[in-house]
Structures are given as C-alpha cells and as structure tokens.
C-alpha cells in the first residue's frame, strides 16, 4: 500500500522532474530538504531517462546514423509517457528495461 501523504506531497516535484534535464535538477534540488520518497523515485527515473536521451542524441547518431536515433527516440518517448502516466496517477512506475537499474545506480539521490 502506498503512502498517500507522501505521494500527494511529492507529486508536483515528481511531475516537474519529467521536463527535460533542467526539470530533473530543479525537482532534485527542491527535494533535498524534505526527501520525499515519491519525488526521489521519479528524480532517479528521469535522471536515467535523461542520460539515455543524451546518449541517443550523441552516441547512437554518431555511430549508427539518424534512422537508429529516430527508432530509439520513439522508444524513449514511449518510456517517458509510461513514466509520466504513472507519476500523475500516483503510482511508482519503473521505466521498462532500465528502471530498476536507475533506482539502484542513483539510490543516493
């Protein structure tokens, strides 16, 4: 059972974390004092997603070209939509394939 107080208190910052890297940084900084678990979950998810998007724009394009960048970009957008819908609905929704890794890699956030 989820802690509704934690979800409701952290939902705004969790939503903000979904808007580019700057939104993730803003949500992380504003969450430093209160350390809301719901916000922290989505900050970790979006930091990982931002990293994947950066790598797609830089590495994938450099080595494989625009077609693969486009395909991976569409997949990343679907991952973002899944995460955003989970965030708005008050669920902790892991990004497919990578979400558990993001939670582990960025657990100090």
C-alpha atoms as a PDB file:
ATOM      1  CA  UNK A   1       0.000   0.000   0.000  1.00  0.00           C
ATOM      2  CA  UNK A   2       1.391   3.371  -0.958  1.00  0.00           C
ATOM      3  CA  UNK A   3       1.700   6.232   1.483  1.00  0.00           C
ATOM      4  CA  UNK A   4      -0.858   8.704   0.116  1.00  0.00           C
ATOM      5  CA  UNK A   5       0.563  11.633   2.061  1.00  0.00           C
ATOM      6  CA  UNK A   6       3.989  11.013   0.579  1.00  0.00           C
ATOM      7  CA  UNK A   7       2.532  10.689  -2.921  1.00  0.00           C
ATOM      8  CA  UNK A   8       0.408  13.832  -2.685  1.00  0.00           C
ATOM      9  CA  UNK A   9       3.241  15.871  -1.155  1.00  0.00           C
ATOM     10  CA  UNK A  10       5.743  14.713  -3.760  1.00  0.00           C
ATOM     11  CA  UNK A  11       3.595  14.623  -6.876  1.00  0.00           C
ATOM     12  CA  UNK A  12       4.250  18.188  -8.029  1.00  0.00           C
ATOM     13  CA  UNK A  13       8.021  17.800  -7.920  1.00  0.00           C
ATOM     14  CA  UNK A  14       7.755  14.338  -9.467  1.00  0.00           C
ATOM     15  CA  UNK A  15       5.857  15.862 -12.392  1.00  0.00           C
ATOM     16  CA  UNK A  16       8.427  18.663 -12.707  1.00  0.00           C
ATOM     17  CA  UNK A  17      11.204  16.059 -12.885  1.00  0.00           C
ATOM     18  CA  UNK A  18       9.704  14.813 -16.162  1.00  0.00           C
ATOM     19  CA  UNK A  19      10.512  18.020 -18.027  1.00  0.00           C
ATOM     20  CA  UNK A  20      13.970  17.788 -19.507  1.00  0.00           C
ATOM     21  CA  UNK A  21      17.172  17.668 -17.541  1.00  0.00           C
ATOM     22  CA  UNK A  22      16.532  21.085 -16.009  1.00  0.00           C
ATOM     23  CA  UNK A  23      13.225  19.853 -14.525  1.00  0.00           C
ATOM     24  CA  UNK A  24      15.009  16.861 -13.039  1.00  0.00           C
ATOM     25  CA  UNK A  25      17.639  19.115 -11.451  1.00  0.00           C
ATOM     26  CA  UNK A  26      15.002  21.525 -10.106  1.00  0.00           C
ATOM     27  CA  UNK A  27      12.983  18.655  -8.585  1.00  0.00           C
ATOM     28  CA  UNK A  28      16.135  17.134  -7.066  1.00  0.00           C
ATOM     29  CA  UNK A  29      17.278  20.444  -5.508  1.00  0.00           C
ATOM     30  CA  UNK A  30      13.824  21.260  -4.129  1.00  0.00           C
ATOM     31  CA  UNK A  31      13.535  17.715  -2.738  1.00  0.00           C
ATOM     32  CA  UNK A  32      16.882  17.844  -0.900  1.00  0.00           C
ATOM     33  CA  UNK A  33      15.394  19.346   2.261  1.00  0.00           C
ATOM     34  CA  UNK A  34      12.235  17.236   2.550  1.00  0.00           C
ATOM     35  CA  UNK A  35      13.471  13.993   0.932  1.00  0.00           C
ATOM     36  CA  UNK A  36      10.066  12.832  -0.271  1.00  0.00           C
ATOM     37  CA  UNK A  37      10.321   9.173  -1.336  1.00  0.00           C
ATOM     38  CA  UNK A  38       7.874   9.587  -4.240  1.00  0.00           C
ATOM     39  CA  UNK A  39       9.773  12.555  -5.668  1.00  0.00           C
ATOM     40  CA  UNK A  40      13.123  10.808  -5.186  1.00  0.00           C
ATOM     41  CA  UNK A  41      11.824   7.765  -7.087  1.00  0.00           C
ATOM     42  CA  UNK A  42      10.922   9.869 -10.123  1.00  0.00           C
ATOM     43  CA  UNK A  43      14.064  12.007  -9.941  1.00  0.00           C
ATOM     44  CA  UNK A  44      16.102   8.778 -10.225  1.00  0.00           C
ATOM     45  CA  UNK A  45      13.929   7.533 -13.103  1.00  0.00           C
ATOM     46  CA  UNK A  46      14.179  10.797 -15.019  1.00  0.00           C
ATOM     47  CA  UNK A  47      17.916  11.224 -14.418  1.00  0.00           C
ATOM     48  CA  UNK A  48      18.387   7.822 -16.031  1.00  0.00           C
ATOM     49  CA  UNK A  49      15.990   8.679 -18.836  1.00  0.00           C
ATOM     50  CA  UNK A  50      17.812  11.973 -19.453  1.00  0.00           C
ATOM     51  CA  UNK A  51      21.075  10.054 -19.662  1.00  0.00           C
ATOM     52  CA  UNK A  52      19.575   7.647 -22.211  1.00  0.00           C
ATOM     53  CA  UNK A  53      18.215  10.546 -24.269  1.00  0.00           C
ATOM     54  CA  UNK A  54      21.636  12.242 -24.235  1.00  0.00           C
ATOM     55  CA  UNK A  55      23.366   9.032 -25.295  1.00  0.00           C
ATOM     56  CA  UNK A  56      20.800   8.542 -28.047  1.00  0.00           C
ATOM     57  CA  UNK A  57      21.438  12.026 -29.379  1.00  0.00           C
ATOM     58  CA  UNK A  58      25.182  11.747 -29.224  1.00  0.00           C
ATOM     59  CA  UNK A  59      26.434   8.155 -29.392  1.00  0.00           C
ATOM     60  CA  UNK A  60      23.711   6.440 -31.380  1.00  0.00           C
ATOM     61  CA  UNK A  61      23.636   9.175 -34.003  1.00  0.00           C
ATOM     62  CA  UNK A  62      27.442   9.278 -34.237  1.00  0.00           C
ATOM     63  CA  UNK A  63      27.862   5.534 -34.707  1.00  0.00           C
ATOM     64  CA  UNK A  64      24.668   4.327 -36.351  1.00  0.00           C
ATOM     65  CA  UNK A  65      23.078   7.341 -38.011  1.00  0.00           C
ATOM     66  CA  UNK A  66      19.749   9.109 -37.967  1.00  0.00           C
ATOM     67  CA  UNK A  67      17.470   6.125 -38.584  1.00  0.00           C
ATOM     68  CA  UNK A  68      18.514   4.290 -35.416  1.00  0.00           C
ATOM     69  CA  UNK A  69      18.439   7.538 -33.472  1.00  0.00           C
ATOM     70  CA  UNK A  70      14.852   8.038 -34.598  1.00  0.00           C
ATOM     71  CA  UNK A  71      13.785   4.481 -33.630  1.00  0.00           C
ATOM     72  CA  UNK A  72      15.402   4.720 -30.201  1.00  0.00           C
ATOM     73  CA  UNK A  73      13.957   8.216 -29.788  1.00  0.00           C
ATOM     74  CA  UNK A  74      10.433   6.859 -30.322  1.00  0.00           C
ATOM     75  CA  UNK A  75      11.080   4.108 -27.759  1.00  0.00           C
ATOM     76  CA  UNK A  76      12.382   6.699 -25.279  1.00  0.00           C
ATOM     77  CA  UNK A  77       9.277   8.825 -25.779  1.00  0.00           C
ATOM     78  CA  UNK A  78       7.111   5.775 -25.026  1.00  0.00           C
ATOM     79  CA  UNK A  79       9.158   5.135 -21.868  1.00  0.00           C
ATOM     80  CA  UNK A  80       8.646   8.782 -20.852  1.00  0.00           C
ATOM     81  CA  UNK A  81       4.882   8.541 -21.427  1.00  0.00           C
ATOM     82  CA  UNK A  82       4.663   5.373 -19.310  1.00  0.00           C
ATOM     83  CA  UNK A  83       6.563   7.082 -16.505  1.00  0.00           C
ATOM     84  CA  UNK A  84       4.554  10.303 -16.746  1.00  0.00           C
ATOM     85  CA  UNK A  85       1.206   8.490 -16.637  1.00  0.00           C
ATOM     86  CA  UNK A  86       2.377   6.516 -13.605  1.00  0.00           C
ATOM     87  CA  UNK A  87       3.537   9.720 -11.932  1.00  0.00           C
ATOM     88  CA  UNK A  88       0.246  11.535 -12.495  1.00  0.00           C
ATOM     89  CA  UNK A  89      -1.785   8.539 -11.305  1.00  0.00           C
ATOM     90  CA  UNK A  90       0.213   8.306  -8.068  1.00  0.00           C
ATOM     91  CA  UNK A  91       1.974   5.027  -8.887  1.00  0.00           C
ATOM     92  CA  UNK A  92       5.696   4.352  -8.837  1.00  0.00           C
ATOM     93  CA  UNK A  93       6.064   3.169 -12.408  1.00  0.00           C
ATOM     94  CA  UNK A  94       9.508   1.898 -13.421  1.00  0.00           C
ATOM     95  CA  UNK A  95      10.752   2.741 -16.877  1.00  0.00           C
ATOM     96  CA  UNK A  96      10.742  -0.547 -18.842  1.00  0.00           C
ATOM     97  CA  UNK A  97      14.073  -2.395 -19.070  1.00  0.00           C
ATOM     98  CA  UNK A  98      16.152   0.245 -17.256  1.00  0.00           C
ATOM     99  CA  UNK A  99      14.011   1.463 -14.333  1.00  0.00           C
ATOM    100  CA  UNK A 100      15.335  -0.948 -11.704  1.00  0.00           C
ATOM    101  CA  UNK A 101      18.893  -0.109 -12.714  1.00  0.00           C
ATOM    102  CA  UNK A 102      18.213   3.623 -12.368  1.00  0.00           C
ATOM    103  CA  UNK A 103      16.851   3.089  -8.865  1.00  0.00           C
ATOM    104  CA  UNK A 104      19.996   1.187  -7.912  1.00  0.00           C
ATOM    105  CA  UNK A 105      22.546   3.417  -9.669  1.00  0.00           C
ATOM    106  CA  UNK A 106      21.105   6.675  -8.331  1.00  0.00           C
ATOM    107  CA  UNK A 107      19.950   5.447  -4.897  1.00  0.00           C
ATOM    108  CA  UNK A 108      21.907   8.197  -3.143  1.00  0.00           C
ATOM    109  CA  UNK A 109      19.622  10.865  -4.655  1.00  0.00           C
END
